[in-house]
Amino acid sequence: MGQMFRLCTDCGADQLFEQDHGQPGSCPDSADGDCPEWSCTECGSALLASIVPRRAEAGILPGIRGWVA
Protein backbone atom coordinates (compact mmCIF):
# COMPACT_ATOMS: atom_id res chain seq x y z
CA MET A 1 0.00 0.00 0.00
CA GLY A 2 1.44 3.35 -1.06
CA GLN A 3 1.30 6.50 1.04
CA MET A 4 1.85 10.21 0.34
CA PHE A 5 0.98 13.59 1.85
CA ARG A 6 -1.14 15.84 -0.39
CA LEU A 7 -3.57 18.71 -0.01
CA CYS A 8 -7.03 17.33 0.72
CA THR A 9 -9.57 19.80 -0.63
CA ASP A 10 -12.30 18.39 1.63
CA CYS A 11 -10.20 18.69 4.82
CA GLY A 12 -8.53 21.94 3.70
CA ALA A 13 -5.08 20.78 4.86
CA ASP A 14 -2.22 18.45 3.97
CA GLN A 15 -3.26 14.91 4.84
CA LEU A 16 -1.92 11.39 4.45
CA PHE A 17 -3.32 9.64 1.37
CA GLU A 18 -3.15 5.87 0.85
CA GLN A 19 -3.77 3.50 -2.00
CA ASP A 20 -6.26 0.76 -1.24
CA HIS A 21 -4.64 -2.01 -3.25
CA GLY A 22 -2.35 -4.32 -1.30
CA GLN A 23 0.86 -4.18 -3.32
CA PRO A 24 2.39 -1.76 -5.82
CA GLY A 25 1.58 -2.83 -9.36
CA SER A 26 -1.55 -4.77 -8.35
CA CYS A 27 -4.22 -2.29 -9.44
CA PRO A 28 -6.97 -4.08 -11.39
CA ASP A 29 -8.11 -0.79 -12.97
CA SER A 30 -4.81 0.09 -14.62
CA ALA A 31 -3.12 -1.69 -17.52
CA ASP A 32 0.37 -1.03 -16.14
CA GLY A 33 -0.61 -1.76 -12.53
CA ASP A 34 0.17 1.77 -11.28
CA CYS A 35 -3.03 2.76 -9.53
CA PRO A 36 -4.08 6.44 -9.80
CA GLU A 37 -6.63 6.09 -6.96
CA TRP A 38 -5.72 7.53 -3.57
CA SER A 39 -7.92 8.21 -0.53
CA CYS A 40 -7.51 10.62 2.37
CA THR A 41 -6.94 8.74 5.61
CA GLU A 42 -8.69 11.53 7.55
CA CYS A 43 -11.97 11.93 5.65
CA GLY A 44 -11.90 9.31 2.87
CA SER A 45 -11.99 11.84 0.03
CA ALA A 46 -10.84 10.39 -3.30
CA LEU A 47 -7.91 11.72 -5.32
CA LEU A 48 -6.83 10.65 -8.79
CA ALA A 49 -3.12 11.29 -9.26
CA SER A 50 -0.87 10.72 -12.28
CA ILE A 51 -3.70 11.08 -14.76
CA VAL A 52 -2.52 12.67 -17.99
CA PRO A 53 -5.46 14.35 -19.71
CA ARG A 54 -5.58 14.20 -23.45
CA ARG A 55 -7.58 16.08 -26.01
CA ALA A 56 -10.68 14.35 -27.36
CA GLU A 57 -10.75 13.74 -31.06
CA ALA A 58 -13.48 15.35 -33.15
CA GLY A 59 -16.55 13.15 -33.37
CA ILE A 60 -16.09 11.44 -30.00
CA LEU A 61 -18.32 13.84 -28.05
CA PRO A 62 -20.88 15.02 -30.62
CA GLY A 63 -23.88 14.59 -28.29
CA ILE A 64 -22.71 17.15 -25.73
CA ARG A 65 -24.48 20.49 -26.03
CA GLY A 66 -22.08 23.26 -26.99
CA TRP A 67 -19.33 20.88 -28.15
CA VAL A 68 -17.24 22.51 -30.84
CA ALA A 69 -14.75 20.36 -32.71
C-alpha atoms as a PDB file:
ATOM      1  CA  MET A   1       0.000   0.000   0.000  1.00  0.00           C
ATOM      2  CA  GLY A   2       1.435   3.350  -1.056  1.00  0.00           C
ATOM      3  CA  GLN A   3       1.304   6.498   1.038  1.00  0.00           C
ATOM      4  CA  MET A   4       1.855  10.206   0.339  1.00  0.00           C
ATOM      5  CA  PHE A   5       0.982  13.586   1.848  1.00  0.00           C
ATOM      6  CA  ARG A   6      -1.138  15.839  -0.389  1.00  0.00           C
ATOM      7  CA  LEU A   7      -3.566  18.710  -0.010  1.00  0.00           C
ATOM      8  CA  CYS A   8      -7.026  17.333   0.716  1.00  0.00           C
ATOM      9  CA  THR A   9      -9.571  19.796  -0.629  1.00  0.00           C
ATOM     10  CA  ASP A  10     -12.296  18.394   1.632  1.00  0.00           C
ATOM     11  CA  CYS A  11     -10.205  18.695   4.817  1.00  0.00           C
ATOM     12  CA  GLY A  12      -8.526  21.935   3.699  1.00  0.00           C
ATOM     13  CA  ALA A  13      -5.077  20.777   4.861  1.00  0.00           C
ATOM     14  CA  ASP A  14      -2.219  18.447   3.967  1.00  0.00           C
ATOM     15  CA  GLN A  15      -3.262  14.909   4.837  1.00  0.00           C
ATOM     16  CA  LEU A  16      -1.915  11.393   4.446  1.00  0.00           C
ATOM     17  CA  PHE A  17      -3.318   9.638   1.369  1.00  0.00           C
ATOM     18  CA  GLU A  18      -3.149   5.869   0.848  1.00  0.00           C
ATOM     19  CA  GLN A  19      -3.773   3.495  -2.002  1.00  0.00           C
ATOM     20  CA  ASP A  20      -6.259   0.758  -1.236  1.00  0.00           C
ATOM     21  CA  HIS A  21      -4.643  -2.013  -3.254  1.00  0.00           C
ATOM     22  CA  GLY A  22      -2.352  -4.321  -1.305  1.00  0.00           C
ATOM     23  CA  GLN A  23       0.863  -4.182  -3.320  1.00  0.00           C
ATOM     24  CA  PRO A  24       2.389  -1.760  -5.816  1.00  0.00           C
ATOM     25  CA  GLY A  25       1.581  -2.831  -9.364  1.00  0.00           C
ATOM     26  CA  SER A  26      -1.546  -4.767  -8.352  1.00  0.00           C
ATOM     27  CA  CYS A  27      -4.221  -2.287  -9.439  1.00  0.00           C
ATOM     28  CA  PRO A  28      -6.966  -4.076 -11.391  1.00  0.00           C
ATOM     29  CA  ASP A  29      -8.113  -0.794 -12.969  1.00  0.00           C
ATOM     30  CA  SER A  30      -4.806   0.089 -14.618  1.00  0.00           C
ATOM     31  CA  ALA A  31      -3.117  -1.690 -17.521  1.00  0.00           C
ATOM     32  CA  ASP A  32       0.372  -1.034 -16.137  1.00  0.00           C
ATOM     33  CA  GLY A  33      -0.611  -1.757 -12.527  1.00  0.00           C
ATOM     34  CA  ASP A  34       0.172   1.769 -11.282  1.00  0.00           C
ATOM     35  CA  CYS A  35      -3.028   2.763  -9.527  1.00  0.00           C
ATOM     36  CA  PRO A  36      -4.079   6.436  -9.801  1.00  0.00           C
ATOM     37  CA  GLU A  37      -6.628   6.089  -6.965  1.00  0.00           C
ATOM     38  CA  TRP A  38      -5.720   7.531  -3.572  1.00  0.00           C
ATOM     39  CA  SER A  39      -7.923   8.209  -0.535  1.00  0.00           C
ATOM     40  CA  CYS A  40      -7.510  10.621   2.365  1.00  0.00           C
ATOM     41  CA  THR A  41      -6.939   8.737   5.611  1.00  0.00           C
ATOM     42  CA  GLU A  42      -8.689  11.527   7.553  1.00  0.00           C
ATOM     43  CA  CYS A  43     -11.972  11.934   5.649  1.00  0.00           C
ATOM     44  CA  GLY A  44     -11.904   9.310   2.869  1.00  0.00           C
ATOM     45  CA  SER A  45     -11.986  11.839   0.030  1.00  0.00           C
ATOM     46  CA  ALA A  46     -10.841  10.390  -3.299  1.00  0.00           C
ATOM     47  CA  LEU A  47      -7.909  11.717  -5.322  1.00  0.00           C
ATOM     48  CA  LEU A  48      -6.828  10.653  -8.790  1.00  0.00           C
ATOM     49  CA  ALA A  49      -3.117  11.289  -9.265  1.00  0.00           C
ATOM     50  CA  SER A  50      -0.867  10.722 -12.276  1.00  0.00           C
ATOM     51  CA  ILE A  51      -3.698  11.081 -14.759  1.00  0.00           C
ATOM     52  CA  VAL A  52      -2.520  12.675 -17.988  1.00  0.00           C
ATOM     53  CA  PRO A  53      -5.464  14.353 -19.706  1.00  0.00           C
ATOM     54  CA  ARG A  54      -5.584  14.196 -23.448  1.00  0.00           C
ATOM     55  CA  ARG A  55      -7.584  16.080 -26.012  1.00  0.00           C
ATOM     56  CA  ALA A  56     -10.675  14.346 -27.361  1.00  0.00           C
ATOM     57  CA  GLU A  57     -10.752  13.740 -31.063  1.00  0.00           C
ATOM     58  CA  ALA A  58     -13.483  15.347 -33.150  1.00  0.00           C
ATOM     59  CA  GLY A  59     -16.555  13.148 -33.365  1.00  0.00           C
ATOM     60  CA  ILE A  60     -16.086  11.444 -30.004  1.00  0.00           C
ATOM     61  CA  LEU A  61     -18.320  13.836 -28.053  1.00  0.00           C
ATOM     62  CA  PRO A  62     -20.878  15.021 -30.618  1.00  0.00           C
ATOM     63  CA  GLY A  63     -23.878  14.594 -28.292  1.00  0.00           C
ATOM     64  CA  ILE A  64     -22.711  17.147 -25.729  1.00  0.00           C
ATOM     65  CA  ARG A  65     -24.482  20.489 -26.028  1.00  0.00           C
ATOM     66  CA  GLY A  66     -22.081  23.257 -26.987  1.00  0.00           C
ATOM     67  CA  TRP A  67     -19.330  20.884 -28.149  1.00  0.00           C
ATOM     68  CA  VAL A  68     -17.235  22.507 -30.836  1.00  0.00           C
ATOM     69  CA  ALA A  69     -14.745  20.359 -32.711  1.00  0.00           C
END
